[in-house]
Amino acid sequence: MTTTTTTTTSAPTWKRIRTAVFTLVMLASSAGVALAQQFEKVENLPRQEIPAGRFVAIAYGIIWLAILTYVVLVASGVKRVNQEIADLKRKVDRSGSKL
């Protein structure tokens, strides 16, 4: 029995190479156009004044309010857990004295 082996060129490899070359050519040509542009200084534009101090104060206020809310929620959870632990200790002490 004879087996024939055929050598095939992998088409996906050539497609990848062609795509990569095409992409590099396109990138190189677009970079040349970008470098050819000249920028002109724009003068006498109306200035926009944004009250940044007020926005920063509001942002800090919101952050501090969120932190304070988180701390209060965690503290109330810890208080509830401590009360449950104390209740369980009392129950264990009562059931331990009955034995």
N, C-alpha and C. Protein backbone atom coordinates (compact mmCIF):
# COMPACT_ATOMS: atom_id res chain seq x y z
N MET A 1 0.85 -1.17 0.00
CA MET A 1 0.00 0.00 0.00
C MET A 1 0.90 1.23 0.00
N THR A 2 0.57 2.15 -0.83
CA THR A 2 1.37 3.35 -0.93
C THR A 2 0.56 4.54 -0.44
N THR A 3 1.22 5.38 0.28
CA THR A 3 0.58 6.60 0.75
C THR A 3 1.21 7.78 0.04
N THR A 4 0.36 8.65 -0.36
CA THR A 4 0.87 9.85 -1.02
C THR A 4 0.73 11.01 -0.07
N THR A 5 1.75 11.76 0.00
CA THR A 5 1.72 12.94 0.84
C THR A 5 1.78 14.15 -0.07
N THR A 6 0.92 15.07 0.23
CA THR A 6 0.93 16.29 -0.57
C THR A 6 1.32 17.45 0.33
N THR A 7 2.09 18.31 -0.21
CA THR A 7 2.48 19.49 0.54
C THR A 7 1.56 20.62 0.14
N THR A 8 0.90 21.16 1.12
CA THR A 8 0.00 22.28 0.83
C THR A 8 0.54 23.52 1.52
N THR A 9 0.40 24.59 0.84
CA THR A 9 0.79 25.84 1.47
C THR A 9 -0.39 26.29 2.31
N SER A 10 -0.08 26.71 3.48
CA SER A 10 -1.17 27.09 4.36
C SER A 10 -1.70 28.45 3.96
N ALA A 11 -2.92 28.44 3.47
CA ALA A 11 -3.55 29.67 3.01
C ALA A 11 -3.76 30.68 4.14
N PRO A 12 -4.15 30.23 5.35
CA PRO A 12 -4.33 31.21 6.42
C PRO A 12 -3.05 31.98 6.74
N THR A 13 -1.88 31.34 6.61
CA THR A 13 -0.63 32.02 6.89
C THR A 13 -0.40 33.14 5.88
N TRP A 14 -0.63 32.88 4.60
CA TRP A 14 -0.47 33.91 3.58
C TRP A 14 -1.48 35.02 3.75
N LYS A 15 -2.69 34.68 4.17
CA LYS A 15 -3.70 35.71 4.41
C LYS A 15 -3.30 36.60 5.57
N ARG A 16 -2.74 35.99 6.59
CA ARG A 16 -2.29 36.77 7.75
C ARG A 16 -1.16 37.70 7.36
N ILE A 17 -0.21 37.18 6.58
CA ILE A 17 0.92 38.01 6.16
C ILE A 17 0.43 39.15 5.29
N ARG A 18 -0.46 38.85 4.33
CA ARG A 18 -0.99 39.89 3.45
C ARG A 18 -1.75 40.94 4.25
N THR A 19 -2.55 40.50 5.22
CA THR A 19 -3.30 41.43 6.06
C THR A 19 -2.36 42.30 6.89
N ALA A 20 -1.30 41.71 7.44
CA ALA A 20 -0.34 42.46 8.24
C ALA A 20 0.38 43.50 7.39
N VAL A 21 0.79 43.11 6.18
CA VAL A 21 1.48 44.05 5.30
C VAL A 21 0.55 45.19 4.91
N PHE A 22 -0.68 44.86 4.56
CA PHE A 22 -1.66 45.87 4.19
C PHE A 22 -1.90 46.83 5.34
N THR A 23 -2.02 46.30 6.57
CA THR A 23 -2.24 47.13 7.75
C THR A 23 -1.05 48.07 7.98
N LEU A 24 0.16 47.56 7.85
CA LEU A 24 1.35 48.39 8.03
C LEU A 24 1.42 49.49 6.98
N VAL A 25 1.08 49.18 5.75
CA VAL A 25 1.10 50.20 4.69
C VAL A 25 0.08 51.27 4.99
N MET A 26 -1.11 50.90 5.41
CA MET A 26 -2.15 51.87 5.72
C MET A 26 -1.75 52.75 6.90
N LEU A 27 -1.17 52.15 7.93
CA LEU A 27 -0.73 52.93 9.09
C LEU A 27 0.38 53.90 8.71
N ALA A 28 1.31 53.45 7.89
CA ALA A 28 2.42 54.31 7.48
C ALA A 28 1.91 55.47 6.64
N SER A 29 0.97 55.22 5.77
CA SER A 29 0.47 56.31 4.93
C SER A 29 -0.35 57.31 5.74
N SER A 30 -1.12 56.83 6.72
CA SER A 30 -1.90 57.76 7.53
C SER A 30 -1.00 58.58 8.45
N ALA A 31 0.12 58.04 8.88
CA ALA A 31 1.04 58.79 9.73
C ALA A 31 1.67 59.93 8.94
N GLY A 32 1.94 59.71 7.67
CA GLY A 32 2.52 60.75 6.83
C GLY A 32 1.57 61.92 6.67
N VAL A 33 0.29 61.63 6.53
CA VAL A 33 -0.71 62.69 6.40
C VAL A 33 -0.79 63.48 7.70
N ALA A 34 -0.74 62.80 8.82
CA ALA A 34 -0.84 63.47 10.11
C ALA A 34 0.37 64.37 10.35
N LEU A 35 1.53 63.95 9.91
CA LEU A 35 2.73 64.76 10.12
C LEU A 35 2.75 65.99 9.20
N ALA A 36 2.04 65.91 8.07
CA ALA A 36 2.05 67.02 7.12
C ALA A 36 1.16 68.17 7.57
N GLN A 37 0.29 67.95 8.53
CA GLN A 37 -0.61 69.00 8.98
C GLN A 37 0.15 70.02 9.81
N GLN A 38 -0.28 71.29 9.68
CA GLN A 38 0.32 72.34 10.49
C GLN A 38 -0.76 72.91 11.40
N PHE A 39 -0.35 73.28 12.59
CA PHE A 39 -1.28 73.81 13.55
C PHE A 39 -1.12 75.32 13.64
N GLU A 40 -2.22 76.00 13.73
CA GLU A 40 -2.20 77.44 13.87
C GLU A 40 -2.70 77.81 15.26
N LYS A 41 -2.07 78.82 15.84
CA LYS A 41 -2.47 79.27 17.16
C LYS A 41 -3.78 80.04 17.05
N VAL A 42 -4.72 79.69 17.89
CA VAL A 42 -6.02 80.36 17.90
C VAL A 42 -5.99 81.41 19.00
N GLU A 43 -6.29 82.62 18.64
CA GLU A 43 -6.24 83.71 19.61
C GLU A 43 -7.61 84.35 19.77
N ASN A 44 -7.74 85.10 20.85
CA ASN A 44 -8.96 85.87 21.15
C ASN A 44 -10.21 85.00 21.26
N LEU A 45 -10.08 83.87 21.88
CA LEU A 45 -11.24 83.04 22.14
C LEU A 45 -11.87 83.46 23.46
N PRO A 46 -13.19 83.41 23.56
CA PRO A 46 -13.80 83.74 24.86
C PRO A 46 -13.45 82.66 25.88
N ARG A 47 -13.07 83.08 27.05
CA ARG A 47 -12.69 82.14 28.11
C ARG A 47 -13.92 81.67 28.85
N GLN A 48 -13.94 80.42 29.16
CA GLN A 48 -15.03 79.86 29.94
C GLN A 48 -14.56 79.67 31.36
N GLU A 49 -15.25 80.25 32.28
CA GLU A 49 -14.91 80.10 33.69
C GLU A 49 -15.82 79.04 34.30
N ILE A 50 -15.22 77.98 34.78
CA ILE A 50 -15.97 76.91 35.42
C ILE A 50 -15.68 76.98 36.92
N PRO A 51 -16.72 77.01 37.74
CA PRO A 51 -16.50 77.09 39.19
C PRO A 51 -16.00 75.75 39.74
N ALA A 52 -14.74 75.47 39.50
CA ALA A 52 -14.17 74.18 39.88
C ALA A 52 -14.18 73.98 41.38
N GLY A 53 -13.96 75.04 42.15
CA GLY A 53 -13.92 74.91 43.61
C GLY A 53 -15.23 74.39 44.15
N ARG A 54 -16.33 74.86 43.60
CA ARG A 54 -17.63 74.41 44.07
C ARG A 54 -17.85 72.93 43.73
N PHE A 55 -17.45 72.52 42.51
CA PHE A 55 -17.62 71.13 42.12
C PHE A 55 -16.75 70.19 42.96
N VAL A 56 -15.55 70.64 43.26
CA VAL A 56 -14.65 69.81 44.09
C VAL A 56 -15.22 69.67 45.49
N ALA A 57 -15.75 70.76 46.04
CA ALA A 57 -16.35 70.70 47.38
C ALA A 57 -17.56 69.76 47.39
N ILE A 58 -18.37 69.83 46.36
CA ILE A 58 -19.53 68.93 46.28
C ILE A 58 -19.08 67.48 46.17
N ALA A 59 -18.05 67.22 45.37
CA ALA A 59 -17.54 65.86 45.21
C ALA A 59 -17.00 65.32 46.53
N TYR A 60 -16.22 66.14 47.23
CA TYR A 60 -15.70 65.71 48.53
C TYR A 60 -16.85 65.47 49.52
N GLY A 61 -17.86 66.32 49.49
CA GLY A 61 -19.01 66.13 50.37
C GLY A 61 -19.72 64.82 50.11
N ILE A 62 -19.89 64.49 48.85
CA ILE A 62 -20.55 63.21 48.50
C ILE A 62 -19.70 62.03 48.96
N ILE A 63 -18.40 62.13 48.75
CA ILE A 63 -17.51 61.03 49.16
C ILE A 63 -17.54 60.86 50.68
N TRP A 64 -17.45 61.97 51.42
CA TRP A 64 -17.49 61.87 52.89
C TRP A 64 -18.84 61.34 53.36
N LEU A 65 -19.92 61.72 52.72
CA LEU A 65 -21.23 61.21 53.08
C LEU A 65 -21.32 59.71 52.85
N ALA A 66 -20.75 59.25 51.75
CA ALA A 66 -20.74 57.82 51.47
C ALA A 66 -19.91 57.06 52.49
N ILE A 67 -18.75 57.61 52.86
CA ILE A 67 -17.89 56.95 53.86
C ILE A 67 -18.59 56.92 55.21
N LEU A 68 -19.22 58.02 55.60
CA LEU A 68 -19.93 58.07 56.88
C LEU A 68 -21.08 57.07 56.90
N THR A 69 -21.83 56.97 55.81
CA THR A 69 -22.91 56.00 55.72
C THR A 69 -22.39 54.59 55.86
N TYR A 70 -21.29 54.29 55.19
CA TYR A 70 -20.68 52.96 55.29
C TYR A 70 -20.25 52.65 56.72
N VAL A 71 -19.62 53.60 57.38
CA VAL A 71 -19.16 53.38 58.75
C VAL A 71 -20.35 53.14 59.69
N VAL A 72 -21.42 53.91 59.51
CA VAL A 72 -22.61 53.74 60.36
C VAL A 72 -23.23 52.36 60.12
N LEU A 73 -23.32 51.93 58.87
CA LEU A 73 -23.89 50.62 58.57
C LEU A 73 -23.03 49.50 59.15
N VAL A 74 -21.73 49.61 59.03
CA VAL A 74 -20.84 48.58 59.58
C VAL A 74 -20.93 48.57 61.10
N ALA A 75 -20.98 49.75 61.73
CA ALA A 75 -21.06 49.82 63.20
C ALA A 75 -22.37 49.21 63.69
N SER A 76 -23.48 49.47 62.99
CA SER A 76 -24.74 48.88 63.42
C SER A 76 -24.72 47.37 63.25
N GLY A 77 -24.07 46.89 62.19
CA GLY A 77 -23.95 45.44 62.00
C GLY A 77 -23.11 44.81 63.10
N VAL A 78 -22.02 45.45 63.48
CA VAL A 78 -21.17 44.94 64.55
C VAL A 78 -21.94 44.92 65.87
N LYS A 79 -22.72 45.97 66.12
CA LYS A 79 -23.51 46.04 67.35
C LYS A 79 -24.53 44.91 67.39
N ARG A 80 -25.19 44.65 66.25
CA ARG A 80 -26.17 43.57 66.19
C ARG A 80 -25.50 42.21 66.42
N VAL A 81 -24.34 42.00 65.82
CA VAL A 81 -23.63 40.73 66.00
C VAL A 81 -23.20 40.56 67.44
N ASN A 82 -22.72 41.63 68.08
CA ASN A 82 -22.32 41.55 69.49
C ASN A 82 -23.51 41.21 70.38
N GLN A 83 -24.69 41.79 70.07
CA GLN A 83 -25.89 41.46 70.85
C GLN A 83 -26.27 39.99 70.67
N GLU A 84 -26.17 39.49 69.45
CA GLU A 84 -26.48 38.08 69.22
C GLU A 84 -25.50 37.17 69.93
N ILE A 85 -24.23 37.55 69.96
CA ILE A 85 -23.23 36.75 70.69
C ILE A 85 -23.54 36.74 72.18
N ALA A 86 -23.92 37.90 72.73
CA ALA A 86 -24.27 37.98 74.15
C ALA A 86 -25.50 37.12 74.44
N ASP A 87 -26.52 37.15 73.56
CA ASP A 87 -27.70 36.31 73.74
C ASP A 87 -27.34 34.83 73.71
N LEU A 88 -26.47 34.46 72.78
CA LEU A 88 -26.07 33.05 72.69
C LEU A 88 -25.27 32.63 73.93
N LYS A 89 -24.43 33.52 74.44
CA LYS A 89 -23.68 33.18 75.67
C LYS A 89 -24.63 32.96 76.82
N ARG A 90 -25.67 33.83 76.94
CA ARG A 90 -26.65 33.65 78.02
C ARG A 90 -27.39 32.33 77.86
N LYS A 91 -27.76 31.98 76.65
CA LYS A 91 -28.47 30.72 76.42
C LYS A 91 -27.59 29.53 76.76
N VAL A 92 -26.32 29.61 76.40
CA VAL A 92 -25.40 28.51 76.70
C VAL A 92 -25.20 28.41 78.20
N ASP A 93 -25.08 29.55 78.91
CA ASP A 93 -24.91 29.54 80.37
C ASP A 93 -26.14 28.95 81.05
N ARG A 94 -27.35 29.31 80.58
CA ARG A 94 -28.57 28.75 81.16
C ARG A 94 -28.69 27.27 80.91
N SER A 95 -28.39 26.84 79.68
CA SER A 95 -28.51 25.41 79.38
C SER A 95 -27.39 24.63 80.07
N GLY A 96 -26.24 25.25 80.31
CA GLY A 96 -25.12 24.60 80.99
C GLY A 96 -25.44 24.41 82.47
N SER A 97 -26.19 25.32 83.07
CA SER A 97 -26.52 25.19 84.48
C SER A 97 -27.59 24.13 84.70
N LYS A 98 -28.38 23.78 83.69
CA LYS A 98 -29.41 22.76 83.83
C LYS A 98 -28.82 21.36 83.81
N LEU A 99 -27.62 21.20 83.30
CA LEU A 99 -27.04 19.87 83.23
C LEU A 99 -26.61 19.39 84.53
